[in-house]
């Protein structure tokens, strides 16, 4: 080798290489709350998914997003009918993530539920990080993540209950006790 020339080594692709065991433990102790917040959000979202009696989109926005995603996956167009371009989707990012999952071969309702559960986990992690940045207290951050996880599920359950109540109010005999008239002797 000529004097003054050195060989460069390619940078390692493993981000944990070169970290001491103490630093790895410190990293785990520093960030354990984010993982716990995401686990709690996953649990609450899966409890809601399991509690539903019928696997179908409850709100029209879910159906619209799924239709847009199906047309993006099949025709490559952001459209509702598959032919004309449209901008009626609520969230383009949501539609594109669903379209990628559909293109990979996942079932439509599974894709929609997976995106919802994943979004719930990311929201809980974001609330944890925001609360931790404000209060610098892990317990407060964890309570914030738990609260947002279960409050959102409670709101979704309340909307589903209103849908069922609306359906029950349309059926004239639903919920009424039928009494036979008492005959006088």
Protein backbone atom coordinates (compact mmCIF):
# COMPACT_ATOMS: atom_id res chain seq x y z
CA UNK A 1 0.00 0.00 0.00
CA UNK A 2 1.31 3.43 -0.87
CA UNK A 3 2.17 5.81 1.91
CA UNK A 4 -0.67 8.21 2.79
CA UNK A 5 -3.47 6.08 1.37
CA UNK A 6 -5.91 4.35 3.61
CA UNK A 7 -8.72 1.96 2.85
CA UNK A 8 -12.18 2.94 3.91
CA UNK A 9 -14.48 0.46 5.52
CA UNK A 10 -18.12 0.45 4.51
CA UNK A 11 -20.35 1.75 7.30
CA UNK A 12 -22.17 -0.93 9.24
CA UNK A 13 -25.88 -1.31 8.55
CA UNK A 14 -26.59 -2.61 12.05
CA UNK A 15 -27.49 0.40 14.24
CA UNK A 16 -26.87 -1.62 17.42
CA UNK A 17 -23.35 -2.67 16.44
CA UNK A 18 -20.78 -0.94 18.55
CA UNK A 19 -23.21 -0.10 21.35
CA UNK A 20 -22.25 -1.40 24.74
CA UNK A 21 -24.61 -3.53 26.77
CA UNK A 22 -25.03 -0.68 29.25
CA UNK A 23 -26.13 1.68 26.50
CA UNK A 24 -28.63 -0.88 25.18
CA UNK A 25 -30.09 -1.32 28.65
CA UNK A 26 -30.25 2.46 29.09
CA UNK A 27 -32.00 2.75 25.72
CA UNK A 28 -34.55 0.12 26.76
CA UNK A 29 -35.16 1.84 30.10
CA UNK A 30 -35.60 5.17 28.34
CA UNK A 31 -38.10 4.02 25.71
CA UNK A 32 -40.07 1.20 27.37
CA UNK A 33 -43.14 3.42 27.76
CA UNK A 34 -43.66 3.87 24.02
CA UNK A 35 -43.79 0.13 23.52
CA UNK A 36 -46.16 -0.28 26.45
CA UNK A 37 -48.41 2.50 25.15
CA UNK A 38 -48.54 0.85 21.73
CA UNK A 39 -49.29 -2.54 23.33
CA UNK A 40 -52.17 -1.04 25.32
CA UNK A 41 -53.54 0.64 22.18
CA UNK A 42 -53.27 -2.64 20.29
CA UNK A 43 -55.18 -4.40 23.06
CA UNK A 44 -57.97 -1.83 23.18
CA UNK A 45 -58.32 -1.75 19.39
CA UNK A 46 -58.43 -5.54 19.13
CA UNK A 47 -61.00 -5.68 21.94
CA UNK A 48 -63.19 -3.33 19.92
CA UNK A 49 -62.69 -5.32 16.72
CA UNK A 50 -63.52 -8.56 18.53
CA UNK A 51 -66.65 -7.07 20.13
CA UNK A 52 -68.25 -6.15 16.82
CA UNK A 53 -70.96 -8.55 15.79
CA UNK A 54 -70.74 -7.96 12.06
CA UNK A 55 -67.59 -7.40 10.02
CA UNK A 56 -68.57 -4.58 7.70
CA UNK A 57 -67.81 -0.88 7.45
CA UNK A 58 -70.04 0.90 9.97
CA UNK A 59 -69.64 4.36 8.51
CA UNK A 60 -69.86 5.40 4.88
CA UNK A 61 -66.38 6.95 5.05
CA UNK A 62 -64.86 3.49 5.55
CA UNK A 63 -66.71 2.19 2.51
CA UNK A 64 -65.68 5.21 0.42
CA UNK A 65 -62.00 4.89 1.40
CA UNK A 66 -62.05 1.18 0.66
CA UNK A 67 -63.66 1.76 -2.74
CA UNK A 68 -61.06 4.41 -3.63
CA UNK A 69 -58.26 2.07 -2.45
CA UNK A 70 -59.61 -0.83 -4.51
CA UNK A 71 -59.70 1.37 -7.62
CA UNK A 72 -56.16 2.65 -6.99
CA UNK A 73 -54.93 -0.94 -6.61
CA UNK A 74 -56.79 -2.28 -9.65
CA UNK A 75 -56.86 0.65 -12.10
CA UNK A 76 -54.12 2.95 -10.82
CA UNK A 77 -56.57 5.85 -10.57
CA UNK A 78 -57.77 7.76 -7.54
CA UNK A 79 -61.42 7.41 -8.43
CA UNK A 80 -64.65 6.17 -6.96
CA UNK A 81 -65.94 4.42 -10.07
CA UNK A 82 -62.59 3.28 -11.51
CA UNK A 83 -62.88 5.40 -14.65
CA UNK A 84 -62.88 9.12 -13.87
CA UNK A 85 -60.38 10.86 -11.61
CA UNK A 86 -61.87 12.15 -8.40
CA UNK A 87 -60.76 13.87 -5.20
CA UNK A 88 -63.59 12.75 -2.95
CA UNK A 89 -61.44 10.60 -0.64
CA UNK A 90 -61.19 11.86 2.92
CA UNK A 91 -57.54 10.93 3.40
CA UNK A 92 -55.28 10.25 0.45
CA UNK A 93 -52.64 8.66 2.69
CA UNK A 94 -55.23 6.28 4.15
CA UNK A 95 -56.38 5.33 0.66
CA UNK A 96 -52.81 4.76 -0.56
CA UNK A 97 -51.88 2.58 2.44
CA UNK A 98 -55.05 0.53 1.89
CA UNK A 99 -54.26 0.27 -1.84
CA UNK A 100 -50.76 -1.07 -1.12
CA UNK A 101 -52.21 -3.69 1.23
CA UNK A 102 -54.82 -4.68 -1.36
CA UNK A 103 -52.13 -4.88 -4.05
CA UNK A 104 -50.11 -7.19 -1.77
CA UNK A 105 -53.10 -9.53 -1.66
CA UNK A 106 -54.65 -8.83 1.73
CA UNK A 107 -58.43 -9.04 2.11
CA UNK A 108 -60.21 -5.65 1.97
CA UNK A 109 -61.75 -5.72 5.44
CA UNK A 110 -58.59 -7.10 7.02
CA UNK A 111 -56.64 -4.27 5.38
CA UNK A 112 -59.06 -1.68 6.66
CA UNK A 113 -59.00 -3.09 10.19
CA UNK A 114 -55.21 -3.42 10.17
CA UNK A 115 -54.78 0.21 9.10
CA UNK A 116 -57.19 1.29 11.85
CA UNK A 117 -55.41 -0.74 14.52
CA UNK A 118 -52.01 0.47 13.33
CA UNK A 119 -53.24 4.06 13.35
CA UNK A 120 -54.48 3.58 16.90
CA UNK A 121 -51.06 2.30 17.96
CA UNK A 122 -49.29 5.25 16.32
CA UNK A 123 -51.72 7.68 17.92
CA UNK A 124 -51.08 6.21 21.37
CA UNK A 125 -47.31 6.41 20.81
CA UNK A 126 -47.65 10.02 19.67
CA UNK A 127 -49.75 10.98 22.69
CA UNK A 128 -47.22 9.26 24.95
CA UNK A 129 -44.35 11.22 23.38
CA UNK A 130 -46.24 14.52 23.51
CA UNK A 131 -47.28 14.05 27.13
CA UNK A 132 -43.77 13.01 28.08
CA UNK A 133 -42.31 16.07 26.34
CA UNK A 134 -44.70 18.37 28.23
CA UNK A 135 -44.66 16.85 31.71
CA UNK A 136 -41.38 14.88 31.71
CA UNK A 137 -43.17 12.23 33.71
CA UNK A 138 -43.54 8.69 32.37
CA UNK A 139 -46.62 7.91 34.43
CA UNK A 140 -48.48 10.95 33.09
CA UNK A 141 -47.43 10.00 29.57
CA UNK A 142 -48.65 6.45 30.04
CA UNK A 143 -51.99 7.65 31.43
CA UNK A 144 -52.38 9.97 28.44
CA UNK A 145 -51.75 7.11 26.01
CA UNK A 146 -54.16 4.82 27.87
CA UNK A 147 -56.81 7.53 27.96
CA UNK A 148 -56.61 8.25 24.24
CA UNK A 149 -56.69 4.52 23.45
CA UNK A 150 -59.81 3.77 25.43
CA UNK A 151 -61.59 7.08 24.84
CA UNK A 152 -61.42 6.58 21.07
CA UNK A 153 -62.74 3.04 21.42
CA UNK A 154 -65.54 4.30 23.68
CA UNK A 155 -66.50 6.95 21.11
CA UNK A 156 -66.52 4.33 18.33
CA UNK A 157 -68.71 2.06 20.48
CA UNK A 158 -71.07 4.97 21.18
CA UNK A 159 -71.45 5.64 17.45
CA UNK A 160 -72.12 1.94 16.82
CA UNK A 161 -74.74 1.99 19.61
CA UNK A 162 -76.41 5.01 17.98
CA UNK A 163 -76.55 3.12 14.68
CA UNK A 164 -78.23 0.17 16.39
CA UNK A 165 -80.61 2.51 18.26
CA UNK A 166 -81.55 4.19 14.99
CA UNK A 167 -82.23 0.81 13.43
CA UNK A 168 -84.32 -0.26 16.43
CA UNK A 169 -86.36 2.94 16.29
CA UNK A 170 -87.26 2.23 12.64
CA UNK A 171 -88.82 -1.11 13.56
CA UNK A 172 -92.18 -0.30 15.11
CA UNK A 173 -92.40 -3.19 17.55
CA UNK A 174 -88.76 -3.35 18.62
CA UNK A 175 -88.18 -3.07 22.33
CA UNK A 176 -91.84 -2.93 23.35
CA UNK A 177 -93.37 -5.38 25.72
CA UNK A 178 -96.57 -6.77 24.35
CA UNK A 179 -99.18 -6.93 27.06
CA UNK A 180 -102.45 -8.66 26.74
CA UNK A 181 -105.39 -6.61 27.91
CA UNK A 182 -106.74 -7.66 31.24
CA UNK A 183 -110.36 -8.76 31.05
CA UNK A 184 -112.72 -7.50 33.69
CA UNK A 185 -114.69 -10.12 35.52
